[in-house]
Structure formats: structure tokens, C-alpha cells
PDB file of N, CA and C in Angstrom:
ATOM      1  N   MET A   1       0.666 -20.961  15.218  1.00  0.00           N
ATOM      2  CA  MET A   1      -0.551 -21.067  14.838  1.00  0.00           C
ATOM      3  C   MET A   1      -0.608 -18.655  14.798  1.00  0.00           C
ATOM      4  N   GLN A   2       0.394 -18.265  15.391  1.00  0.00           N
ATOM      5  CA  GLN A   2       0.146 -16.978  14.645  1.00  0.00           C
ATOM      6  C   GLN A   2       1.100 -16.462  13.824  1.00  0.00           C
ATOM      7  N   ALA A   3       2.256 -17.840  13.515  1.00  0.00           N
ATOM      8  CA  ALA A   3       2.471 -17.348  12.145  1.00  0.00           C
ATOM      9  C   ALA A   3       1.913 -17.132  11.193  1.00  0.00           C
ATOM     10  N   SER A   4       1.478 -18.397  11.776  1.00  0.00           N
ATOM     11  CA  SER A   4       0.541 -18.400  10.470  1.00  0.00           C
ATOM     12  C   SER A   4      -1.089 -17.914   9.678  1.00  0.00           C
ATOM     13  N   VAL A   5      -1.645 -17.110  10.368  1.00  0.00           N
ATOM     14  CA  VAL A   5      -2.622 -16.694  10.717  1.00  0.00           C
ATOM     15  C   VAL A   5      -1.476 -15.075   9.770  1.00  0.00           C
ATOM     16  N   TRP A   6      -0.732 -14.649  10.632  1.00  0.00           N
ATOM     17  CA  TRP A   6       0.546 -13.898  10.468  1.00  0.00           C
ATOM     18  C   TRP A   6       0.555 -13.812   8.812  1.00  0.00           C
ATOM     19  N   LYS A   7       0.823 -15.092   8.452  1.00  0.00           N
ATOM     20  CA  LYS A   7       1.320 -15.809   7.299  1.00  0.00           C
ATOM     21  C   LYS A   7       0.659 -14.794   5.590  1.00  0.00           C
ATOM     22  N   ASP A   8      -0.094 -15.480   7.225  1.00  0.00           N
ATOM     23  CA  ASP A   8      -2.068 -15.169   5.144  1.00  0.00           C
ATOM     24  C   ASP A   8      -2.663 -13.224   4.879  1.00  0.00           C
ATOM     25  N   VAL A   9      -2.458 -13.059   6.498  1.00  0.00           N
ATOM     26  CA  VAL A   9      -2.337 -12.342   6.710  1.00  0.00           C
ATOM     27  C   VAL A   9      -2.012 -10.609   5.919  1.00  0.00           C
ATOM     28  N   GLU A  10      -0.136 -10.848   6.086  1.00  0.00           N
ATOM     29  CA  GLU A  10       0.940  -9.972   4.871  1.00  0.00           C
ATOM     30  C   GLU A  10       0.549 -10.236   3.684  1.00  0.00           C
ATOM     31  N   ARG A  11       0.162 -12.309   2.852  1.00  0.00           N
ATOM     32  CA  ARG A  11      -0.636 -11.772   1.637  1.00  0.00           C
ATOM     33  C   ARG A  11      -1.991 -12.246   1.300  1.00  0.00           C
ATOM     34  N   ALA A  12      -2.594 -11.844   1.933  1.00  0.00           N
ATOM     35  CA  ALA A  12      -3.877 -10.920   1.495  1.00  0.00           C
ATOM     36  C   ALA A  12      -3.749  -9.086   0.832  1.00  0.00           C
ATOM     37  N   PHE A  13      -2.800  -9.086   2.719  1.00  0.00           N
ATOM     38  CA  PHE A  13      -2.576  -7.310   2.186  1.00  0.00           C
ATOM     39  C   PHE A  13      -1.257  -7.140   1.060  1.00  0.00           C
ATOM     40  N   GLY A  14      -0.978  -7.927   0.593  1.00  0.00           N
ATOM     41  CA  GLY A  14       0.444  -8.012  -0.228  1.00  0.00           C
ATOM     42  C   GLY A  14      -0.749  -7.814  -1.787  1.00  0.00           C
ATOM     43  N   ILE A  15      -1.521  -8.491  -1.627  1.00  0.00           N
ATOM     44  CA  ILE A  15      -2.285  -8.818  -3.020  1.00  0.00           C
ATOM     45  C   ILE A  15      -3.017  -7.262  -3.366  1.00  0.00           C
ATOM     46  N   LEU A  16      -4.009  -7.270  -2.012  1.00  0.00           N
ATOM     47  CA  LEU A  16      -4.620  -5.530  -2.414  1.00  0.00           C
ATOM     48  C   LEU A  16      -3.601  -4.688  -2.481  1.00  0.00           C
ATOM     49  N   GLN A  17      -2.145  -3.956  -1.864  1.00  0.00           N
ATOM     50  CA  GLN A  17      -1.618  -3.838  -2.585  1.00  0.00           C
ATOM     51  C   GLN A  17      -1.285  -3.379  -4.254  1.00  0.00           C
ATOM     52  N   SER A  18      -1.410  -4.745  -4.983  1.00  0.00           N
ATOM     53  CA  SER A  18      -1.023  -5.064  -5.964  1.00  0.00           C
ATOM     54  C   SER A  18      -2.319  -4.701  -6.768  1.00  0.00           C
ATOM     55  N   ARG A  19      -3.439  -4.326  -5.952  1.00  0.00           N
ATOM     56  CA  ARG A  19      -4.821  -4.332  -7.554  1.00  0.00           C
ATOM     57  C   ARG A  19      -4.965  -2.350  -6.658  1.00  0.00           C
ATOM     58  N   PHE A  20      -5.006  -1.415  -5.678  1.00  0.00           N
ATOM     59  CA  PHE A  20      -5.072  -0.718  -5.097  1.00  0.00           C
ATOM     60  C   PHE A  20      -3.631  -0.154  -5.041  1.00  0.00           C
ATOM     61  N   VAL A  21      -4.236   1.365  -5.304  1.00  0.00           N
ATOM     62  CA  VAL A  21      -2.591   1.932  -5.165  1.00  0.00           C
ATOM     63  C   VAL A  21      -3.487   2.920  -4.219  1.00  0.00           C
ATOM     64  N   ILE A  22      -3.913   3.637  -3.614  1.00  0.00           N
ATOM     65  CA  ILE A  22      -4.454   3.854  -2.248  1.00  0.00           C
ATOM     66  C   ILE A  22      -3.484   3.194  -0.661  1.00  0.00           C
ATOM     67  N   ILE A  23      -3.021   1.719  -0.997  1.00  0.00           N
ATOM     68  CA  ILE A  23      -3.682   1.229   0.322  1.00  0.00           C
ATOM     69  C   ILE A  23      -1.385   0.955   0.849  1.00  0.00           C
ATOM     70  N   ARG A  24      -1.177   1.087  -1.006  1.00  0.00           N
ATOM     71  CA  ARG A  24       0.564   1.802  -0.996  1.00  0.00           C
ATOM     72  C   ARG A  24       1.298   2.244  -0.017  1.00  0.00           C
ATOM     73  N   GLY A  25       0.602   3.368   0.210  1.00  0.00           N
ATOM     74  CA  GLY A  25       0.980   5.049  -0.330  1.00  0.00           C
ATOM     75  C   GLY A  25       0.996   4.470   1.775  1.00  0.00           C
ATOM     76  N   PRO A  26       1.080   5.873   2.404  1.00  0.00           N
ATOM     77  CA  PRO A  26       0.802   6.298   3.661  1.00  0.00           C
ATOM     78  C   PRO A  26      -0.499   6.041   4.094  1.00  0.00           C
ATOM     79  N   GLY A  27      -0.446   5.602   5.892  1.00  0.00           N
ATOM     80  CA  GLY A  27      -1.734   6.090   6.082  1.00  0.00           C
ATOM     81  C   GLY A  27      -1.772   6.477   7.837  1.00  0.00           C
ATOM     82  N   ARG A  28      -0.870   7.285   7.531  1.00  0.00           N
ATOM     83  CA  ARG A  28      -0.692   7.930   8.996  1.00  0.00           C
ATOM     84  C   ARG A  28      -1.719   9.076   9.084  1.00  0.00           C
ATOM     85  N   MET A  29      -1.659   9.820   7.481  1.00  0.00           N
ATOM     86  CA  MET A  29      -3.405  11.100   7.640  1.00  0.00           C
ATOM     87  C   MET A  29      -4.247  10.690   7.655  1.00  0.00           C
ATOM     88  N   TRP A  30      -4.889   9.326   7.545  1.00  0.00           N
ATOM     89  CA  TRP A  30      -6.202   8.837   8.121  1.00  0.00           C
ATOM     90  C   TRP A  30      -6.386   8.486   9.862  1.00  0.00           C
ATOM     91  N   ASN A  31      -8.502   8.736   9.993  1.00  0.00           N
ATOM     92  CA  ASN A  31      -7.373   8.400  10.894  1.00  0.00           C
ATOM     93  C   ASN A  31      -8.547   6.457  10.483  1.00  0.00           C
ATOM     94  N   GLU A  32      -8.830   6.037  12.175  1.00  0.00           N
ATOM     95  CA  GLU A  32      -8.759   4.715  12.212  1.00  0.00           C
ATOM     96  C   GLU A  32     -10.168   3.862  11.660  1.00  0.00           C
ATOM     97  N   SER A  33     -10.837   5.576  11.569  1.00  0.00           N
ATOM     98  CA  SER A  33     -11.683   4.863  11.136  1.00  0.00           C
ATOM     99  C   SER A  33     -12.122   4.937   9.692  1.00  0.00           C
ATOM    100  N   THR A  34     -11.262   6.179   9.133  1.00  0.00           N
ATOM    101  CA  THR A  34     -11.499   6.224   7.360  1.00  0.00           C
ATOM    102  C   THR A  34     -10.787   4.697   7.105  1.00  0.00           C
ATOM    103  N   LEU A  35      -9.158   4.642   8.023  1.00  0.00           N
ATOM    104  CA  LEU A  35      -8.518   3.051   7.032  1.00  0.00           C
ATOM    105  C   LEU A  35      -9.137   2.103   7.033  1.00  0.00           C
ATOM    106  N   HIS A  36     -10.294   1.871   8.534  1.00  0.00           N
ATOM    107  CA  HIS A  36     -10.960   0.984   7.789  1.00  0.00           C
ATOM    108  C   HIS A  36     -11.599   1.148   7.083  1.00  0.00           C
ATOM    109  N   ASN A  37     -12.549   1.965   6.656  1.00  0.00           N
ATOM    110  CA  ASN A  37     -13.297   2.345   5.245  1.00  0.00           C
ATOM    111  C   ASN A  37     -13.027   1.503   4.061  1.00  0.00           C
ATOM    112  N   ILE A  38     -11.284   2.260   4.044  1.00  0.00           N
ATOM    113  CA  ILE A  38     -10.989   2.299   3.060  1.00  0.00           C
ATOM    114  C   ILE A  38     -10.533   0.788   2.396  1.00  0.00           C
ATOM    115  N   MET A  39     -10.137  -0.421   3.556  1.00  0.00           N
ATOM    116  CA  MET A  39      -9.959  -1.600   4.137  1.00  0.00           C
ATOM    117  C   MET A  39     -11.167  -2.070   4.070  1.00  0.00           C
ATOM    118  N   THR A  40     -12.087  -1.948   3.529  1.00  0.00           N
ATOM    119  CA  THR A  40     -13.234  -2.363   2.881  1.00  0.00           C
ATOM    120  C   THR A  40     -14.342  -2.729   2.326  1.00  0.00           C
ATOM    121  N   ALA A  41     -13.513  -1.288   1.443  1.00  0.00           N
ATOM    122  CA  ALA A  41     -14.295  -0.657   0.350  1.00  0.00           C
ATOM    123  C   ALA A  41     -13.149  -1.266  -0.893  1.00  0.00           C
ATOM    124  N   CYS A  42     -12.135  -1.650  -0.252  1.00  0.00           N
ATOM    125  CA  CYS A  42     -11.444  -2.439  -1.571  1.00  0.00           C
ATOM    126  C   CYS A  42     -11.637  -3.233  -1.299  1.00  0.00           C
ATOM    127  N   VAL A  43     -11.453  -3.915  -0.376  1.00  0.00           N
ATOM    128  CA  VAL A  43     -11.840  -5.874   0.069  1.00  0.00           C
ATOM    129  C   VAL A  43     -12.986  -6.112  -0.307  1.00  0.00           C
ATOM    130  N   ILE A  44     -14.065  -5.214  -0.800  1.00  0.00           N
ATOM    131  CA  ILE A  44     -15.661  -5.884  -1.181  1.00  0.00           C
ATOM    132  C   ILE A  44     -14.982  -5.242  -3.270  1.00  0.00           C
ATOM    133  N   MET A  45     -14.715  -4.512  -3.275  1.00  0.00           N
ATOM    134  CA  MET A  45     -14.102  -4.664  -5.052  1.00  0.00           C
ATOM    135  C   MET A  45     -13.334  -5.450  -5.391  1.00  0.00           C
ATOM    136  N   HIS A  46     -11.940  -5.622  -4.710  1.00  0.00           N
ATOM    137  CA  HIS A  46     -11.412  -6.981  -4.911  1.00  0.00           C
ATOM    138  C   HIS A  46     -12.894  -8.299  -5.188  1.00  0.00           C
ATOM    139  N   ASN A  47     -13.175  -8.632  -4.282  1.00  0.00           N
ATOM    140  CA  ASN A  47     -14.184  -9.610  -4.455  1.00  0.00           C
ATOM    141  C   ASN A  47     -15.040 -10.024  -5.501  1.00  0.00           C
ATOM    142  N   MET A  48     -15.034  -8.269  -5.921  1.00  0.00           N
ATOM    143  CA  MET A  48     -16.248  -8.398  -6.664  1.00  0.00           C
ATOM    144  C   MET A  48     -15.528  -8.179  -8.159  1.00  0.00           C
ATOM    145  N   ILE A  49     -14.656  -7.148  -8.326  1.00  0.00           N
ATOM    146  CA  ILE A  49     -14.036  -7.817  -8.938  1.00  0.00           C
ATOM    147  C   ILE A  49     -13.157  -9.499  -9.633  1.00  0.00           C
ATOM    148  N   ILE A  50     -12.564 -10.351  -8.443  1.00  0.00           N
ATOM    149  CA  ILE A  50     -12.552 -11.975  -8.674  1.00  0.00           C
ATOM    150  C   ILE A  50     -13.993 -12.946  -9.296  1.00  0.00           C
ATOM    151  N   GLU A  51     -15.149 -12.466  -8.622  1.00  0.00           N
ATOM    152  CA  GLU A  51     -16.187 -12.592  -9.243  1.00  0.00           C
ATOM    153  C   GLU A  51     -16.467 -12.643 -10.438  1.00  0.00           C
ATOM    154  N   ASP A  52     -16.515 -11.980 -10.890  1.00  0.00           N
ATOM    155  CA  ASP A  52     -16.913 -10.799 -12.494  1.00  0.00           C
ATOM    156  C   ASP A  52     -16.178 -11.650 -13.533  1.00  0.00           C
ATOM    157  N   GLU A  53     -14.427 -11.366 -12.911  1.00  0.00           N
ATOM    158  CA  GLU A  53     -13.192 -12.061 -14.114  1.00  0.00           C
ATOM    159  C   GLU A  53     -13.899 -13.694 -13.659  1.00  0.00           C
ATOM    160  N   ARG A  54     -14.252 -14.213 -12.761  1.00  0.00           N
ATOM    161  CA  ARG A  54     -14.338 -15.954 -12.898  1.00  0.00           C
ATOM    162  C   ARG A  54     -14.880 -16.360 -14.159  1.00  0.00           C
ATOM    163  N   ASP A  55     -16.890 -16.516 -13.948  1.00  0.00           N
ATOM    164  CA  ASP A  55     -17.390 -15.742 -14.641  1.00  0.00           C
ATOM    165  C   ASP A  55     -17.745 -17.396 -14.732  1.00  0.00           C
ATOM    166  N   GLY A  56     -18.018 -18.280 -13.486  1.00  0.00           N
ATOM    167  CA  GLY A  56     -18.234 -19.791 -13.468  1.00  0.00           C
ATOM    168  C   GLY A  56     -17.136 -20.616 -14.286  1.00  0.00           C
ATOM    169  N   ILE A  57     -16.275 -19.869 -14.204  1.00  0.00           N
ATOM    170  CA  ILE A  57     -14.697 -20.806 -14.592  1.00  0.00           C
ATOM    171  C   ILE A  57     -13.420 -20.648 -13.287  1.00  0.00           C
ATOM    172  N   ASP A  58     -13.398 -22.191 -12.910  1.00  0.00           N
ATOM    173  CA  ASP A  58     -13.489 -22.171 -11.669  1.00  0.00           C
ATOM    174  C   ASP A  58     -11.658 -21.524 -12.142  1.00  0.00           C
ATOM    175  N   VAL A  59     -10.739 -20.528 -11.514  1.00  0.00           N
ATOM    176  CA  VAL A  59      -9.400 -20.486 -11.994  1.00  0.00           C
ATOM    177  C   VAL A  59      -8.989 -20.638 -10.885  1.00  0.00           C
ATOM    178  N   GLU A  60      -7.773 -20.910 -10.224  1.00  0.00           N
ATOM    179  CA  GLU A  60      -6.701 -20.240  -8.845  1.00  0.00           C
ATOM    180  C   GLU A  60      -6.053 -19.117  -9.382  1.00  0.00           C
ATOM    181  N   GLU A  61      -6.189 -18.215  -8.607  1.00  0.00           N
ATOM    182  CA  GLU A  61      -5.100 -17.635  -9.112  1.00  0.00           C
ATOM    183  C   GLU A  61      -3.620 -17.164  -8.396  1.00  0.00           C
ATOM    184  N   VAL A  62      -2.728 -17.021  -9.289  1.00  0.00           N
ATOM    185  CA  VAL A  62      -1.469 -17.239  -8.913  1.00  0.00           C
ATOM    186  C   VAL A  62      -0.825 -15.020  -9.488  1.00  0.00           C
ATOM    187  N   TYR A  63      -0.427 -14.306  -7.679  1.00  0.00           N
ATOM    188  CA  TYR A  63       0.560 -13.739  -7.714  1.00  0.00           C
ATOM    189  C   TYR A  63       1.446 -13.400  -7.569  1.00  0.00           C
ATOM    190  N   ASP A  64       2.358 -13.449  -8.691  1.00  0.00           N
ATOM    191  CA  ASP A  64       3.612 -13.356  -8.951  1.00  0.00           C
ATOM    192  C   ASP A  64       3.938 -12.092  -8.109  1.00  0.00           C
ATOM    193  N   TYR A  65       3.823 -11.290  -9.044  1.00  0.00           N
ATOM    194  CA  TYR A  65       4.198 -10.125  -8.935  1.00  0.00           C
ATOM    195  C   TYR A  65       2.504  -9.073  -7.777  1.00  0.00           C
ATOM    196  N   MET A  66       3.309  -8.979  -6.744  1.00  0.00           N
ATOM    197  CA  MET A  66       2.704  -8.424  -5.405  1.00  0.00           C
ATOM    198  C   MET A  66       3.016  -6.851  -5.925  1.00  0.00           C
ATOM    199  N   GLY A  67       3.387  -5.956  -6.709  1.00  0.00           N
ATOM    200  CA  GLY A  67       3.372  -4.291  -6.702  1.00  0.00           C
ATOM    201  C   GLY A  67       4.982  -4.470  -6.156  1.00  0.00           C
ATOM    202  N   GLU A  68       5.006  -3.245  -6.122  1.00  0.00           N
ATOM    203  CA  GLU A  68       6.541  -2.532  -4.995  1.00  0.00           C
ATOM    204  C   GLU A  68       5.711  -2.177  -3.679  1.00  0.00           C
ATOM    205  N   LYS A  69       7.329  -2.089  -2.214  1.00  0.00           N
ATOM    206  CA  LYS A  69       6.186  -2.556  -0.661  1.00  0.00           C
ATOM    207  C   LYS A  69       6.639  -0.831  -1.031  1.00  0.00           C
ATOM    208  N   ALA A  70       5.866  -0.469   0.368  1.00  0.00           N
ATOM    209  CA  ALA A  70       5.767   0.708   0.552  1.00  0.00           C
ATOM    210  C   ALA A  70       6.728   0.373   1.325  1.00  0.00           C
ATOM    211  N   THR A  71       6.875   1.940   1.721  1.00  0.00           N
ATOM    212  CA  THR A  71       8.500   2.670   2.339  1.00  0.00           C
ATOM    213  C   THR A  71       8.073   3.679   3.328  1.00  0.00           C
ATOM    214  N   ILE A  72       8.282   2.492   4.701  1.00  0.00           N
ATOM    215  CA  ILE A  72       8.422   3.504   5.002  1.00  0.00           C
ATOM    216  C   ILE A  72       9.672   4.606   5.950  1.00  0.00           C
ATOM    217  N   ARG A  73       9.157   6.330   5.420  1.00  0.00           N
ATOM    218  CA  ARG A  73      10.386   7.503   5.989  1.00  0.00           C
ATOM    219  C   ARG A  73      10.226   8.255   7.406  1.00  0.00           C
ATOM    220  N   ARG A  74      10.592   8.016   7.990  1.00  0.00           N
ATOM    221  CA  ARG A  74      11.215   9.439   9.382  1.00  0.00           C
ATOM    222  C   ARG A  74      10.961  10.573   8.867  1.00  0.00           C
ATOM    223  N   ASN A  75      11.977  10.903   8.499  1.00  0.00           N
ATOM    224  CA  ASN A  75      11.829  12.317   7.349  1.00  0.00           C
ATOM    225  C   ASN A  75      11.204  12.353   6.116  1.00  0.00           C
ATOM    226  N   PRO A  76      10.473  12.793   6.906  1.00  0.00           N
ATOM    227  CA  PRO A  76       9.190  13.804   5.365  1.00  0.00           C
ATOM    228  C   PRO A  76      10.049  14.046   4.702  1.00  0.00           C
ATOM    229  N   ASP A  77       9.562  13.929   3.704  1.00  0.00           N
ATOM    230  CA  ASP A  77      10.394  14.697   2.384  1.00  0.00           C
ATOM    231  C   ASP A  77       9.413  16.497   1.846  1.00  0.00           C
ATOM    232  N   GLN A  78       9.756  16.658   1.361  1.00  0.00           N
ATOM    233  CA  GLN A  78       9.154  18.961   0.335  1.00  0.00           C
ATOM    234  C   GLN A  78       7.655  17.801   0.204  1.00  0.00           C
ATOM    235  N   ALA A  79       7.326  16.413  -0.677  1.00  0.00           N
ATOM    236  CA  ALA A  79       6.107  16.444  -1.450  1.00  0.00           C
ATOM    237  C   ALA A  79       5.549  16.394  -0.356  1.00  0.00           C
ATOM    238  N   PHE A  80       5.961  15.407   0.600  1.00  0.00           N
ATOM    239  CA  PHE A  80       4.503  14.635   1.992  1.00  0.00           C
ATOM    240  C   PHE A  80       4.464  15.530   2.806  1.00  0.00           C
ATOM    241  N   VAL A  81       5.440  17.394   2.450  1.00  0.00           N
ATOM    242  CA  VAL A  81       5.143  18.152   3.325  1.00  0.00           C
ATOM    243  C   VAL A  81       3.875  18.883   2.664  1.00  0.00           C
ATOM    244  N   GLN A  82       3.886  19.270   1.912  1.00  0.00           N
ATOM    245  CA  GLN A  82       3.132  19.342   0.547  1.00  0.00           C
ATOM    246  C   GLN A  82       1.714  18.766   0.337  1.00  0.00           C
ATOM    247  N   TYR A  83       1.836  18.010   0.249  1.00  0.00           N
ATOM    248  CA  TYR A  83      -0.075  16.336   0.851  1.00  0.00           C
ATOM    249  C   TYR A  83      -0.808  16.866   1.724  1.00  0.00           C
ATOM    250  N   ILE A  84       0.371  17.086   2.315  1.00  0.00           N
ATOM    251  CA  ILE A  84      -0.216  18.207   4.501  1.00  0.00           C
ATOM    252  C   ILE A  84      -0.553  18.834   3.906  1.00  0.00           C
ATOM    253  N   GLU A  85      -0.943  19.973   3.063  1.00  0.00           N
ATOM    254  CA  GLU A  85      -0.859  20.785   3.677  1.00  0.00           C
ATOM    255  C   GLU A  85      -1.608  21.155   2.572  1.00  0.00           C
ATOM    256  N   VAL A  86      -1.482  20.514   1.831  1.00  0.00           N
ATOM    257  CA  VAL A  86      -3.278  20.671   1.247  1.00  0.00           C
ATOM    258  C   VAL A  86      -4.251  20.325   1.106  1.00  0.00           C
ATOM    259  N   THR A  87      -4.295  18.697   1.865  1.00  0.00           N
ATOM    260  CA  THR A  87      -5.256  17.750   2.436  1.00  0.00           C
ATOM    261  C   THR A  87      -5.854  18.731   3.514  1.00  0.00           C
ATOM    262  N   LYS A  88      -5.080  20.442   4.094  1.00  0.00           N
ATOM    263  CA  LYS A  88      -5.454  20.023   5.888  1.00  0.00           C
ATOM    264  C   LYS A  88      -6.293  21.687   4.743  1.00  0.00           C
ATOM    265  N   ALA A  89      -5.424  22.561   3.715  1.00  0.00           N
ATOM    266  CA  ALA A  89      -6.200  23.080   3.271  1.00  0.00           C
ATOM    267  C   ALA A  89      -7.894  22.930   2.313  1.00  0.00           C
ATOM    268  N   ILE A  90      -7.936  21.700   1.767  1.00  0.00           N
ATOM    269  CA  ILE A  90      -9.335  20.706   1.233  1.00  0.00           C
ATOM    270  C   ILE A  90     -10.236  21.066   3.429  1.00  0.00           C
ATOM    271  N   GLN A  91      -9.340  20.789   3.517  1.00  0.00           N
ATOM    272  CA  GLN A  91     -10.445  20.364   4.728  1.00  0.00           C
ATOM    273  C   GLN A  91     -10.842  21.170   5.644  1.00  0.00           C
ATOM    274  N   ASN A  92     -10.324  22.509   5.385  1.00  0.00           N
ATOM    275  CA  ASN A  92     -10.090  23.413   5.890  1.00  0.00           C
ATOM    276  C   ASN A  92     -11.900  24.307   5.414  1.00  0.00           C
ATOM    277  N   TRP A  93     -13.395  24.109   6.438  1.00  0.00           N
ATOM    278  CA  TRP A  93     -14.250  24.150   6.872  1.00  0.00           C
ATOM    279  C   TRP A  93     -14.777  26.341   6.404  1.00  0.00           C
ATOM    280  N   ALA A  94     -14.198  27.562   6.898  1.00  0.00           N
ATOM    281  CA  ALA A  94     -13.992  28.247   6.587  1.00  0.00           C
ATOM    282  C   ALA A  94     -13.885  28.295   4.912  1.00  0.00           C
ATOM    283  N   LEU A  95     -12.450  28.551   4.297  1.00  0.00           N
ATOM    284  CA  LEU A  95     -11.656  28.041   2.775  1.00  0.00           C
ATOM    285  C   LEU A  95     -13.321  27.515   2.479  1.00  0.00           C
ATOM    286  N   HIS A  96     -13.913  26.360   2.898  1.00  0.00           N
ATOM    287  CA  HIS A  96     -14.728  25.636   1.569  1.00  0.00           C
ATOM    288  C   HIS A  96     -15.731  26.329   1.605  1.00  0.00           C
ATOM    289  N   HIS A  97     -16.514  26.486   3.237  1.00  0.00           N
ATOM    290  CA  HIS A  97     -17.787  28.300   2.938  1.00  0.00           C
ATOM    291  C   HIS A  97     -17.413  28.123   1.757  1.00  0.00           C
ATOM    292  N   GLN A  98     -16.449  30.192   1.634  1.00  0.00           N
ATOM    293  CA  GLN A  98     -15.749  31.038   0.877  1.00  0.00           C
ATOM    294  C   GLN A  98     -15.608  30.817  -0.492  1.00  0.00           C
ATOM    295  N   LEU A  99     -15.122  29.562  -1.086  1.00  0.00           N
ATOM    296  CA  LEU A  99     -15.194  29.111  -2.259  1.00  0.00           C
ATOM    297  C   LEU A  99     -16.406  28.231  -2.599  1.00  0.00           C
ATOM    298  N   ARG A 100     -17.913  27.904  -1.881  1.00  0.00           N
ATOM    299  CA  ARG A 100     -18.583  27.649  -2.526  1.00  0.00           C
ATOM    300  C   ARG A 100     -19.743  28.834  -2.401  1.00  0.00           C
ATOM    301  N   ASP A 101     -19.739  30.030  -1.648  1.00  0.00           N
ATOM    302  CA  ASP A 101     -20.481  31.132  -1.653  1.00  0.00           C
ATOM    303  C   ASP A 101     -19.634  31.413  -3.509  1.00  0.00           C
ATOM    304  N   ASP A 102     -18.891  31.373  -3.115  1.00  0.00           N
ATOM    305  CA  ASP A 102     -18.350  32.486  -4.370  1.00  0.00           C
ATOM    306  C   ASP A 102     -18.297  31.370  -6.062  1.00  0.00           C
ATOM    307  N   LEU A 103     -18.367  30.425  -5.988  1.00  0.00           N
ATOM    308  CA  LEU A 103     -18.906  29.784  -6.874  1.00  0.00           C
ATOM    309  C   LEU A 103     -20.405  29.797  -7.800  1.00  0.00           C
ATOM    310  N   VAL A 104     -21.712  30.707  -6.047  1.00  0.00           N
ATOM    311  CA  VAL A 104     -22.921  30.214  -5.895  1.00  0.00           C
ATOM    312  C   VAL A 104     -22.370  31.334  -7.159  1.00  0.00           C
ATOM    313  N   GLU A 105     -21.955  32.723  -6.061  1.00  0.00           N
ATOM    314  CA  GLU A 105     -22.490  34.009  -6.219  1.00  0.00           C
ATOM    315  C   GLU A 105     -22.302  34.223  -8.356  1.00  0.00           C
ATOM    316  N   HIS A 106     -20.966  33.666  -8.573  1.00  0.00           N
ATOM    317  CA  HIS A 106     -20.747  33.038  -9.923  1.00  0.00           C
ATOM    318  C   HIS A 106     -21.474  32.807 -10.880  1.00  0.00           C
ATOM    319  N   LEU A 107     -21.548  32.451 -10.641  1.00  0.00           N
ATOM    320  CA  LEU A 107     -22.779  31.324 -11.254  1.00  0.00           C
ATOM    321  C   LEU A 107     -23.652  31.983 -11.556  1.00  0.00           C
ATOM    322  N   TRP A 108     -24.369  32.521 -10.434  1.00  0.00           N
ATOM    323  CA  TRP A 108     -26.110  33.489 -10.695  1.00  0.00           C
ATOM    324  C   TRP A 108     -25.607  34.925 -12.148  1.00  0.00           C
ATOM    325  N   SER A 109     -24.219  35.663 -11.524  1.00  0.00           N
ATOM    326  CA  SER A 109     -24.256  36.916 -12.157  1.00  0.00           C
ATOM    327  C   SER A 109     -23.498  35.404 -13.880  1.00  0.00           C
ATOM    328  N   CYS A 110     -24.018  34.986 -14.406  1.00  0.00           N
ATOM    329  CA  CYS A 110     -23.369  34.531 -15.456  1.00  0.00           C
ATOM    330  C   CYS A 110     -24.408  33.492 -15.861  1.00  0.00           C
ATOM    331  N   HIS A 111     -25.375  33.060 -15.539  1.00  0.00           N
ATOM    332  CA  HIS A 111     -26.784  32.475 -15.487  1.00  0.00           C
ATOM    333  C   HIS A 111     -27.655  33.009 -14.762  1.00  0.00           C
ATOM    334  N   GLY A 112     -27.649  33.815 -14.143  1.00  0.00           N
ATOM    335  CA  GLY A 112     -28.646  34.371 -13.127  1.00  0.00           C
ATOM    336  C   GLY A 112     -30.632  34.511 -14.213  1.00  0.00           C
ATOM    337  N   ALA A 113     -31.109  35.246 -13.353  1.00  0.00           N
ATOM    338  CA  ALA A 113     -32.851  35.415 -13.934  1.00  0.00           C
ATOM    339  C   ALA A 113     -32.118  35.251 -15.367  1.00  0.00           C
ATOM    340  N   GLN A 114     -32.865  34.469 -15.502  1.00  0.00           N
ATOM    341  CA  GLN A 114     -32.949  35.188 -17.656  1.00  0.00           C
ATOM    342  C   GLN A 114     -34.223  35.872 -17.583  1.00  0.00           C
TER     343      GLN A 114
END
């Protein structure tokens, strides 16, 4: 029974991977609640797409090609390390507030009180 459910989960995950690239990538950088939100959003969008494509016609879906499988690398390459650094920079609140304040100041200088 467990093997049957496992197969169903693998098939469903493969279908979502073929449709949404975000699921193919590594998920270790996100916390559990973010991964839950991503998976929930992808399932909802998938169901919406299926409903929209169906248009009242009973069509059996066949997924022969489910996309490339995600590969797990134990030693991160330079691109992954750079991605993590950029993500950390984006999540730097002090830098965020400084950039926001600089943008506001720039906009006031360009379009200030006219």
C-alpha cells in the first residue's frame, strides 16, 4: 500500500516538475513554510490550467515527458554559491532600507516639489 502511494506521489511531483521550473531546482535554501507555499501555489495553478484547457471536454492527460529530473550535487559549484550570496544580499534589510531611501531621495531630486 505504501509503495502504491509512493508511486502516486512521485508521478504527481513529476507532473508538477514538468510544468513549473521552480520545483526542479534545489529547495534547501527555502524554509519549510516557503516550500509549502510554493507547492500549494503550483498545485492550485496546475488545477486551474487543467480546468481552463479542458473546456468541458473529457480529456485524459498523458505525460510521457516529465522534464529533466533534478540532480543533487553534494559539492556546490560556483554558480550555486553566487546564487546564495545574491539571495543573502537581497535579504539584507539594512541594504534594502538604504537602497529604498536612496531611491526616494533620487525621485525627490528629479521630480520634487514642482
